[in-house]
Amino acid sequence: MGVTTDQDEQNGAPSPGLAPSPVPRRRGRRRIALAVSFLGELLITAGLVLGLFVVYSLWWTNILADRQADRQGDKVRDHWAAGKDSGPGALDTKDGIGFLHVPAMHNGEVLVEKGTSTSILNDGVAGYYTDPVKATLPTTGKNGNFTLAAHRDGHGAKFHNIHKLKDGDPIVFETKDKWYVYKVFATLPETSKYNVDVLTAVPKEAGVKKPGHYITLTTCTPIYTSEYRYIVWGELERVEKVDGKRTPPKELR
């Protein structure tokens, strides 16, 4: 048994011991399955890496930036409490010049520093422009535009909720000795990142035609992109002196 005869072979009868084997076909299917499995694992790994990157960009960088901003903010308040940083050049300290308060954005106090480079804004702060149009600081008492920028997502995302600002909403800038209270009067939901006219001393795109004391908040839009810029303009309504208890203006109570 198991041995074929000449007659069997001539009649084309299959041999019990030498039946046709499907191995080659099975091997082909196995290779395809392995390739599909390998590709699937690669896609899963890529998805996990991408997911971790998103978590890092939109969550972990916020935590790191907030910690750094808190440390720098504490330094500024310590300097104020110790009576340091007084005099004409006191505002341009490396730690920050004051704090921005915007209730509608629900982001607490935001430390303001000099400059709008990525390295500065990544510390979870707002920065005032020195280029391409130099900001006019409110402490100078001069007419002009106090122009600021901050991230909208990641690295503290201090202007994440800028779209919630409406006409009449307060924007308060706190310094060692004074509270500067602005009121929003115009917004521009989308404009080119190269539109420097929004930063000029008299921002005509906001509908104003004469010099005044303005503030401009700028950030990227749409959210999670940097293709365009979102702009909010405010005008100085009043200035209050800081009392011994640093009692905030009514807009922040």
C-alpha atoms as a PDB file:
ATOM      1  CA  MET A   1       0.000   0.000   0.000  1.00  0.00           C
ATOM      2  CA  GLY A   2       1.132   3.476  -0.672  1.00  0.00           C
ATOM      3  CA  VAL A   3       2.933   2.304  -3.819  1.00  0.00           C
ATOM      4  CA  THR A   4       1.411   3.050  -7.198  1.00  0.00           C
ATOM      5  CA  THR A   5       1.278   0.675 -10.075  1.00  0.00           C
ATOM      6  CA  ASP A   6       2.079   1.406 -13.675  1.00  0.00           C
ATOM      7  CA  GLN A   7      -1.556   0.870 -14.462  1.00  0.00           C
ATOM      8  CA  ASP A   8      -2.654   3.436 -11.880  1.00  0.00           C
ATOM      9  CA  GLU A   9      -0.316   5.989 -13.331  1.00  0.00           C
ATOM     10  CA  GLN A  10      -1.485   5.263 -16.848  1.00  0.00           C
ATOM     11  CA  ASN A  11      -5.126   5.609 -15.835  1.00  0.00           C
ATOM     12  CA  GLY A  12      -4.378   8.881 -14.132  1.00  0.00           C
ATOM     13  CA  ALA A  13      -5.512   7.596 -10.768  1.00  0.00           C
ATOM     14  CA  PRO A  14      -4.173   9.608  -7.892  1.00  0.00           C
ATOM     15  CA  SER A  15      -1.660   7.870  -5.734  1.00  0.00           C
ATOM     16  CA  PRO A  16      -2.723   7.430  -2.117  1.00  0.00           C
ATOM     17  CA  GLY A  17       0.787   8.165  -0.965  1.00  0.00           C
ATOM     18  CA  LEU A  18       1.589  10.997  -3.374  1.00  0.00           C
ATOM     19  CA  ALA A  19      -1.575  13.160  -3.422  1.00  0.00           C
ATOM     20  CA  PRO A  20      -1.214  16.662  -5.022  1.00  0.00           C
ATOM     21  CA  SER A  21      -0.034  19.106  -2.325  1.00  0.00           C
ATOM     22  CA  PRO A  22      -1.524  22.646  -1.899  1.00  0.00           C
ATOM     23  CA  VAL A  23       1.611  23.822  -0.064  1.00  0.00           C
ATOM     24  CA  PRO A  24       2.747  26.366  -2.659  1.00  0.00           C
ATOM     25  CA  ARG A  25      -0.652  28.074  -2.585  1.00  0.00           C
ATOM     26  CA  ARG A  26      -0.726  28.006   1.213  1.00  0.00           C
ATOM     27  CA  ARG A  27       2.721  29.532   1.348  1.00  0.00           C
ATOM     28  CA  GLY A  28       1.568  32.375  -0.895  1.00  0.00           C
ATOM     29  CA  ARG A  29      -1.435  33.052   1.273  1.00  0.00           C
ATOM     30  CA  ARG A  30       0.744  32.910   4.360  1.00  0.00           C
ATOM     31  CA  ARG A  31       3.110  35.489   2.940  1.00  0.00           C
ATOM     32  CA  ILE A  32       0.234  37.821   2.115  1.00  0.00           C
ATOM     33  CA  ALA A  33      -1.174  37.379   5.621  1.00  0.00           C
ATOM     34  CA  LEU A  34       2.216  38.146   7.150  1.00  0.00           C
ATOM     35  CA  ALA A  35       2.583  41.235   4.982  1.00  0.00           C
ATOM     36  CA  VAL A  36      -0.900  42.458   5.931  1.00  0.00           C
ATOM     37  CA  SER A  37      -0.199  41.753   9.596  1.00  0.00           C
ATOM     38  CA  PHE A  38       3.118  43.607   9.437  1.00  0.00           C
ATOM     39  CA  LEU A  39       1.500  46.568   7.687  1.00  0.00           C
ATOM     40  CA  GLY A  40      -1.260  46.622  10.284  1.00  0.00           C
ATOM     41  CA  GLU A  41       1.270  46.684  13.100  1.00  0.00           C
ATOM     42  CA  LEU A  42       3.109  49.534  11.407  1.00  0.00           C
ATOM     43  CA  LEU A  43      -0.126  51.514  11.091  1.00  0.00           C
ATOM     44  CA  ILE A  44      -1.012  50.880  14.720  1.00  0.00           C
ATOM     45  CA  THR A  45       2.461  51.947  15.826  1.00  0.00           C
ATOM     46  CA  ALA A  46       2.286  55.064  13.666  1.00  0.00           C
ATOM     47  CA  GLY A  47      -1.129  55.866  15.134  1.00  0.00           C
ATOM     48  CA  LEU A  48       0.186  55.494  18.662  1.00  0.00           C
ATOM     49  CA  VAL A  49       3.203  57.691  17.920  1.00  0.00           C
ATOM     50  CA  LEU A  50       0.977  60.321  16.328  1.00  0.00           C
ATOM     51  CA  GLY A  51      -1.403  60.149  19.277  1.00  0.00           C
ATOM     52  CA  LEU A  52       1.440  60.581  21.744  1.00  0.00           C
ATOM     53  CA  PHE A  53       2.733  63.537  19.748  1.00  0.00           C
ATOM     54  CA  VAL A  54      -0.692  65.200  19.857  1.00  0.00           C
ATOM     55  CA  VAL A  55      -0.915  64.601  23.600  1.00  0.00           C
ATOM     56  CA  TYR A  56       2.549  66.080  24.025  1.00  0.00           C
ATOM     57  CA  SER A  57       1.812  69.093  21.822  1.00  0.00           C
ATOM     58  CA  LEU A  58      -1.619  69.965  23.189  1.00  0.00           C
ATOM     59  CA  TRP A  59      -1.456  68.817  26.790  1.00  0.00           C
ATOM     60  CA  TRP A  60       2.022  68.208  28.160  1.00  0.00           C
ATOM     61  CA  THR A  61       3.499  71.398  26.660  1.00  0.00           C
ATOM     62  CA  ASN A  62       0.694  73.322  28.378  1.00  0.00           C
ATOM     63  CA  ILE A  63       1.709  71.872  31.730  1.00  0.00           C
ATOM     64  CA  LEU A  64       5.395  72.628  31.213  1.00  0.00           C
ATOM     65  CA  ALA A  65       4.685  76.148  29.946  1.00  0.00           C
ATOM     66  CA  ASP A  66       2.314  76.940  32.822  1.00  0.00           C
ATOM     67  CA  ARG A  67       4.934  75.830  35.338  1.00  0.00           C
ATOM     68  CA  GLN A  68       7.563  78.018  33.723  1.00  0.00           C
ATOM     69  CA  ALA A  69       5.189  80.994  33.533  1.00  0.00           C
ATOM     70  CA  ASP A  70       4.237  80.561  37.193  1.00  0.00           C
ATOM     71  CA  ARG A  71       7.882  80.596  38.231  1.00  0.00           C
ATOM     72  CA  GLN A  72       8.595  83.719  36.213  1.00  0.00           C
ATOM     73  CA  GLY A  73       5.425  85.390  37.432  1.00  0.00           C
ATOM     74  CA  ASP A  74       6.394  84.698  41.035  1.00  0.00           C
ATOM     75  CA  LYS A  75       9.728  86.384  40.410  1.00  0.00           C
ATOM     76  CA  VAL A  76       8.009  89.495  39.101  1.00  0.00           C
ATOM     77  CA  ARG A  77       5.686  89.732  42.094  1.00  0.00           C
ATOM     78  CA  ASP A  78       8.590  89.110  44.464  1.00  0.00           C
ATOM     79  CA  HIS A  79      10.474  91.990  42.830  1.00  0.00           C
ATOM     80  CA  TRP A  80       7.449  94.218  43.217  1.00  0.00           C
ATOM     81  CA  ALA A  81       6.988  93.273  46.847  1.00  0.00           C
ATOM     82  CA  ALA A  82      10.666  93.931  47.550  1.00  0.00           C
ATOM     83  CA  GLY A  83      10.457  97.355  45.936  1.00  0.00           C
ATOM     84  CA  LYS A  84      12.776  96.361  43.119  1.00  0.00           C
ATOM     85  CA  ASP A  85      12.453  97.146  39.430  1.00  0.00           C
ATOM     86  CA  SER A  86      11.667 100.780  39.957  1.00  0.00           C
ATOM     87  CA  GLY A  87      12.739 103.548  37.648  1.00  0.00           C
ATOM     88  CA  PRO A  88      12.452 104.357  33.932  1.00  0.00           C
ATOM     89  CA  GLY A  89      13.840 101.052  32.682  1.00  0.00           C
ATOM     90  CA  ALA A  90      12.176  98.853  35.270  1.00  0.00           C
ATOM     91  CA  LEU A  91       9.468  97.550  32.974  1.00  0.00           C
ATOM     92  CA  ASP A  92      11.818  95.718  30.628  1.00  0.00           C
ATOM     93  CA  THR A  93      12.913  93.027  33.048  1.00  0.00           C
ATOM     94  CA  LYS A  94      13.825  89.606  31.760  1.00  0.00           C
ATOM     95  CA  ASP A  95      11.135  88.032  33.926  1.00  0.00           C
ATOM     96  CA  GLY A  96       8.177  90.103  32.723  1.00  0.00           C
ATOM     97  CA  ILE A  97       6.588  93.553  32.757  1.00  0.00           C
ATOM     98  CA  GLY A  98       3.160  92.836  34.200  1.00  0.00           C
ATOM     99  CA  PHE A  99       0.078  90.643  33.969  1.00  0.00           C
ATOM    100  CA  LEU A 100      -2.811  90.520  31.529  1.00  0.00           C
ATOM    101  CA  HIS A 101      -6.276  89.675  32.845  1.00  0.00           C
ATOM    102  CA  VAL A 102      -9.042  88.763  30.390  1.00  0.00           C
ATOM    103  CA  PRO A 103     -12.083  87.334  32.214  1.00  0.00           C
ATOM    104  CA  ALA A 104     -13.835  86.206  29.020  1.00  0.00           C
ATOM    105  CA  MET A 105     -10.943  83.908  28.145  1.00  0.00           C
ATOM    106  CA  HIS A 106     -11.000  82.141  31.546  1.00  0.00           C
ATOM    107  CA  ASN A 107      -7.218  81.812  31.584  1.00  0.00           C
ATOM    108  CA  GLY A 108      -6.298  83.533  34.834  1.00  0.00           C
ATOM    109  CA  GLU A 109      -3.465  86.022  34.823  1.00  0.00           C
ATOM    110  CA  VAL A 110      -1.033  85.980  31.921  1.00  0.00           C
ATOM    111  CA  LEU A 111       2.524  87.153  32.371  1.00  0.00           C
ATOM    112  CA  VAL A 112       3.595  89.672  29.720  1.00  0.00           C
ATOM    113  CA  GLU A 113       7.172  89.686  28.475  1.00  0.00           C
ATOM    114  CA  LYS A 114       9.157  91.579  25.879  1.00  0.00           C
ATOM    115  CA  GLY A 115       9.143  90.044  22.398  1.00  0.00           C
ATOM    116  CA  THR A 116       7.013  87.651  20.388  1.00  0.00           C
ATOM    117  CA  SER A 117       9.541  85.026  19.309  1.00  0.00           C
ATOM    118  CA  THR A 118       8.589  81.374  19.605  1.00  0.00           C
ATOM    119  CA  SER A 119      11.147  80.833  22.363  1.00  0.00           C
ATOM    120  CA  ILE A 120       9.403  83.495  24.475  1.00  0.00           C
ATOM    121  CA  LEU A 121       5.792  82.541  23.777  1.00  0.00           C
ATOM    122  CA  ASN A 122       6.544  78.855  24.384  1.00  0.00           C
ATOM    123  CA  ASP A 123       7.014  79.702  28.072  1.00  0.00           C
ATOM    124  CA  GLY A 124       3.264  80.168  28.423  1.00  0.00           C
ATOM    125  CA  VAL A 125       3.279  83.961  28.371  1.00  0.00           C
ATOM    126  CA  ALA A 126       2.054  86.801  26.182  1.00  0.00           C
ATOM    127  CA  GLY A 127       4.673  88.939  24.498  1.00  0.00           C
ATOM    128  CA  TYR A 128       4.535  92.521  23.302  1.00  0.00           C
ATOM    129  CA  TYR A 129       5.729  93.309  19.800  1.00  0.00           C
ATOM    130  CA  THR A 130       9.116  94.811  19.121  1.00  0.00           C
ATOM    131  CA  ASP A 131       8.998  93.909  15.412  1.00  0.00           C
ATOM    132  CA  PRO A 132       7.741  94.530  12.715  1.00  0.00           C
ATOM    133  CA  VAL A 133       5.839  97.327  14.501  1.00  0.00           C
ATOM    134  CA  LYS A 134       6.962  98.303  17.973  1.00  0.00           C
ATOM    135  CA  ALA A 135       4.305  98.271  20.674  1.00  0.00           C
ATOM    136  CA  THR A 136       3.585 101.376  22.711  1.00  0.00           C
ATOM    137  CA  LEU A 137       3.607 100.386  26.368  1.00  0.00           C
ATOM    138  CA  PRO A 138       0.755 101.914  28.379  1.00  0.00           C
ATOM    139  CA  THR A 139       3.176 102.926  31.113  1.00  0.00           C
ATOM    140  CA  THR A 140       4.681 105.547  28.817  1.00  0.00           C
ATOM    141  CA  GLY A 141       1.439 107.522  28.880  1.00  0.00           C
ATOM    142  CA  LYS A 142       1.788 108.117  25.145  1.00  0.00           C
ATOM    143  CA  ASN A 143      -0.826 107.496  22.482  1.00  0.00           C
ATOM    144  CA  GLY A 144      -0.258 104.252  20.684  1.00  0.00           C
ATOM    145  CA  ASN A 145      -1.073 100.574  20.430  1.00  0.00           C
ATOM    146  CA  PHE A 146      -0.095  98.032  23.090  1.00  0.00           C
ATOM    147  CA  THR A 147       0.187  95.005  20.808  1.00  0.00           C
ATOM    148  CA  LEU A 148       0.435  91.485  22.231  1.00  0.00           C
ATOM    149  CA  ALA A 149       0.685  87.917  20.981  1.00  0.00           C
ATOM    150  CA  ALA A 150       0.284  84.496  22.614  1.00  0.00           C
ATOM    151  CA  HIS A 151      -0.256  80.902  21.573  1.00  0.00           C
ATOM    152  CA  ARG A 152      -3.755  79.615  20.948  1.00  0.00           C
ATOM    153  CA  ASP A 153      -2.943  75.938  21.412  1.00  0.00           C
ATOM    154  CA  GLY A 154      -0.053  74.203  23.141  1.00  0.00           C
ATOM    155  CA  HIS A 155       2.639  75.861  25.238  1.00  0.00           C
ATOM    156  CA  GLY A 156       0.137  77.341  27.668  1.00  0.00           C
ATOM    157  CA  ALA A 157      -2.462  78.299  25.038  1.00  0.00           C
ATOM    158  CA  LYS A 158      -3.057  81.628  26.805  1.00  0.00           C
ATOM    159  CA  PHE A 159      -5.224  83.015  23.980  1.00  0.00           C
ATOM    160  CA  HIS A 160      -7.091  79.759  23.284  1.00  0.00           C
ATOM    161  CA  ASN A 161     -10.482  81.338  23.994  1.00  0.00           C
ATOM    162  CA  ILE A 162      -9.874  84.636  22.231  1.00  0.00           C
ATOM    163  CA  HIS A 163     -12.965  84.014  20.097  1.00  0.00           C
ATOM    164  CA  LYS A 164     -15.127  84.405  23.215  1.00  0.00           C
ATOM    165  CA  LEU A 165     -14.286  88.100  23.538  1.00  0.00           C
ATOM    166  CA  LYS A 166     -17.134  90.424  22.621  1.00  0.00           C
ATOM    167  CA  ASP A 167     -17.530  94.187  22.356  1.00  0.00           C
ATOM    168  CA  GLY A 168     -17.525  95.744  25.803  1.00  0.00           C
ATOM    169  CA  ASP A 169     -15.582  92.937  27.470  1.00  0.00           C
ATOM    170  CA  PRO A 170     -12.751  94.121  29.748  1.00  0.00           C
ATOM    171  CA  ILE A 171      -9.058  93.566  29.203  1.00  0.00           C
ATOM    172  CA  VAL A 172      -6.956  94.586  32.201  1.00  0.00           C
ATOM    173  CA  PHE A 173      -3.199  95.051  32.289  1.00  0.00           C
ATOM    174  CA  GLU A 174      -1.623  95.013  35.738  1.00  0.00           C
ATOM    175  CA  THR A 175       1.710  96.630  36.548  1.00  0.00           C
ATOM    176  CA  LYS A 176       3.444  97.250  39.842  1.00  0.00           C
ATOM    177  CA  ASP A 177       1.673 100.551  40.443  1.00  0.00           C
ATOM    178  CA  LYS A 178      -1.353 100.697  38.126  1.00  0.00           C
ATOM    179  CA  TRP A 179      -4.272  98.872  36.590  1.00  0.00           C
ATOM    180  CA  TYR A 180      -4.983  99.715  32.944  1.00  0.00           C
ATOM    181  CA  VAL A 181      -8.585  98.901  32.074  1.00  0.00           C
ATOM    182  CA  TYR A 182      -9.442  98.485  28.390  1.00  0.00           C
ATOM    183  CA  LYS A 183     -12.756  97.640  26.722  1.00  0.00           C
ATOM    184  CA  VAL A 184     -13.041  95.559  23.562  1.00  0.00           C
ATOM    185  CA  PHE A 185     -14.526  97.484  20.642  1.00  0.00           C
ATOM    186  CA  ALA A 186     -13.617  95.474  17.528  1.00  0.00           C
ATOM    187  CA  THR A 187     -12.524  92.014  16.367  1.00  0.00           C
ATOM    188  CA  LEU A 188     -11.146  90.566  13.147  1.00  0.00           C
ATOM    189  CA  PRO A 189     -11.743  86.794  13.062  1.00  0.00           C
ATOM    190  CA  GLU A 190      -9.303  86.138  10.238  1.00  0.00           C
ATOM    191  CA  THR A 191      -6.517  88.005   8.505  1.00  0.00           C
ATOM    192  CA  SER A 192      -3.191  87.256   6.869  1.00  0.00           C
ATOM    193  CA  LYS A 193      -0.253  86.528   9.153  1.00  0.00           C
ATOM    194  CA  TYR A 194       1.579  89.208   7.167  1.00  0.00           C
ATOM    195  CA  ASN A 195      -0.990  91.928   7.852  1.00  0.00           C
ATOM    196  CA  VAL A 196       1.042  94.329   9.995  1.00  0.00           C
ATOM    197  CA  ASP A 197      -1.547  97.108   9.675  1.00  0.00           C
ATOM    198  CA  VAL A 198      -3.417  95.600  12.620  1.00  0.00           C
ATOM    199  CA  LEU A 199      -0.434  96.535  14.805  1.00  0.00           C
ATOM    200  CA  THR A 200      -0.090 100.196  13.878  1.00  0.00           C
ATOM    201  CA  ALA A 201      -0.478 103.002  16.422  1.00  0.00           C
ATOM    202  CA  VAL A 202      -3.805 103.919  14.839  1.00  0.00           C
ATOM    203  CA  PRO A 203      -5.281 100.571  13.723  1.00  0.00           C
ATOM    204  CA  LYS A 204      -7.590 101.723  10.954  1.00  0.00           C
ATOM    205  CA  GLU A 205      -8.800  98.180  10.314  1.00  0.00           C
ATOM    206  CA  ALA A 206     -10.447  98.411  13.732  1.00  0.00           C
ATOM    207  CA  GLY A 207     -12.427 101.403  12.510  1.00  0.00           C
ATOM    208  CA  VAL A 208     -10.482 104.100  14.359  1.00  0.00           C
ATOM    209  CA  LYS A 209      -9.123 107.201  12.669  1.00  0.00           C
ATOM    210  CA  LYS A 210      -7.381 109.152  15.407  1.00  0.00           C
ATOM    211  CA  PRO A 211      -4.614 108.483  17.939  1.00  0.00           C
ATOM    212  CA  GLY A 212      -5.589 106.965  21.242  1.00  0.00           C
ATOM    213  CA  HIS A 213      -4.592 104.395  23.845  1.00  0.00           C
ATOM    214  CA  TYR A 214      -5.287 101.017  22.253  1.00  0.00           C
ATOM    215  CA  ILE A 215      -4.529  97.392  22.995  1.00  0.00           C
ATOM    216  CA  THR A 216      -4.367  94.618  20.393  1.00  0.00           C
ATOM    217  CA  LEU A 217      -4.412  90.881  21.054  1.00  0.00           C
ATOM    218  CA  THR A 218      -3.219  88.596  18.263  1.00  0.00           C
ATOM    219  CA  THR A 219      -3.041  84.824  17.899  1.00  0.00           C
ATOM    220  CA  CYS A 220      -3.212  82.048  15.320  1.00  0.00           C
ATOM    221  CA  THR A 221      -6.436  80.868  13.718  1.00  0.00           C
ATOM    222  CA  PRO A 222      -8.148  78.498  13.044  1.00  0.00           C
ATOM    223  CA  ILE A 223      -7.461  76.639  16.274  1.00  0.00           C
ATOM    224  CA  TYR A 224      -4.607  74.124  15.957  1.00  0.00           C
ATOM    225  CA  THR A 225      -3.246  75.871  12.859  1.00  0.00           C
ATOM    226  CA  SER A 226      -1.101  78.915  12.182  1.00  0.00           C
ATOM    227  CA  GLU A 227      -2.352  79.874   8.731  1.00  0.00           C
ATOM    228  CA  TYR A 228      -4.129  83.095   9.717  1.00  0.00           C
ATOM    229  CA  ARG A 229      -4.367  85.513  12.644  1.00  0.00           C
ATOM    230  CA  TYR A 230      -7.269  86.391  14.949  1.00  0.00           C
ATOM    231  CA  ILE A 231      -7.302  89.993  16.172  1.00  0.00           C
ATOM    232  CA  VAL A 232      -9.052  91.747  19.068  1.00  0.00           C
ATOM    233  CA  TRP A 233      -8.828  95.492  19.709  1.00  0.00           C
ATOM    234  CA  GLY A 234      -9.567  97.370  22.900  1.00  0.00           C
ATOM    235  CA  GLU A 235      -9.390 100.995  23.984  1.00  0.00           C
ATOM    236  CA  LEU A 236      -8.221 102.329  27.331  1.00  0.00           C
ATOM    237  CA  GLU A 237     -11.155 103.320  29.488  1.00  0.00           C
ATOM    238  CA  ARG A 238      -9.367 104.317  32.691  1.00  0.00           C
ATOM    239  CA  VAL A 239      -6.283 103.848  34.835  1.00  0.00           C
ATOM    240  CA  GLU A 240      -6.446 102.961  38.532  1.00  0.00           C
ATOM    241  CA  LYS A 241      -3.638 103.149  41.056  1.00  0.00           C
ATOM    242  CA  VAL A 242      -2.736  99.970  42.882  1.00  0.00           C
ATOM    243  CA  ASP A 243      -3.558 100.182  46.581  1.00  0.00           C
ATOM    244  CA  GLY A 244      -1.762  98.480  49.453  1.00  0.00           C
ATOM    245  CA  LYS A 245      -3.882  95.352  49.134  1.00  0.00           C
ATOM    246  CA  ARG A 246      -3.626  95.239  45.356  1.00  0.00           C
ATOM    247  CA  THR A 247      -7.411  95.349  45.167  1.00  0.00           C
ATOM    248  CA  PRO A 248      -8.315  94.533  41.561  1.00  0.00           C
ATOM    249  CA  PRO A 249     -10.655  96.770  39.564  1.00  0.00           C
ATOM    250  CA  LYS A 250     -14.347  95.888  39.587  1.00  0.00           C
ATOM    251  CA  GLU A 251     -14.047  94.110  36.251  1.00  0.00           C
ATOM    252  CA  LEU A 252     -11.931  91.400  37.898  1.00  0.00           C
ATOM    253  CA  ARG A 253     -13.945  90.885  41.063  1.00  0.00           C
END
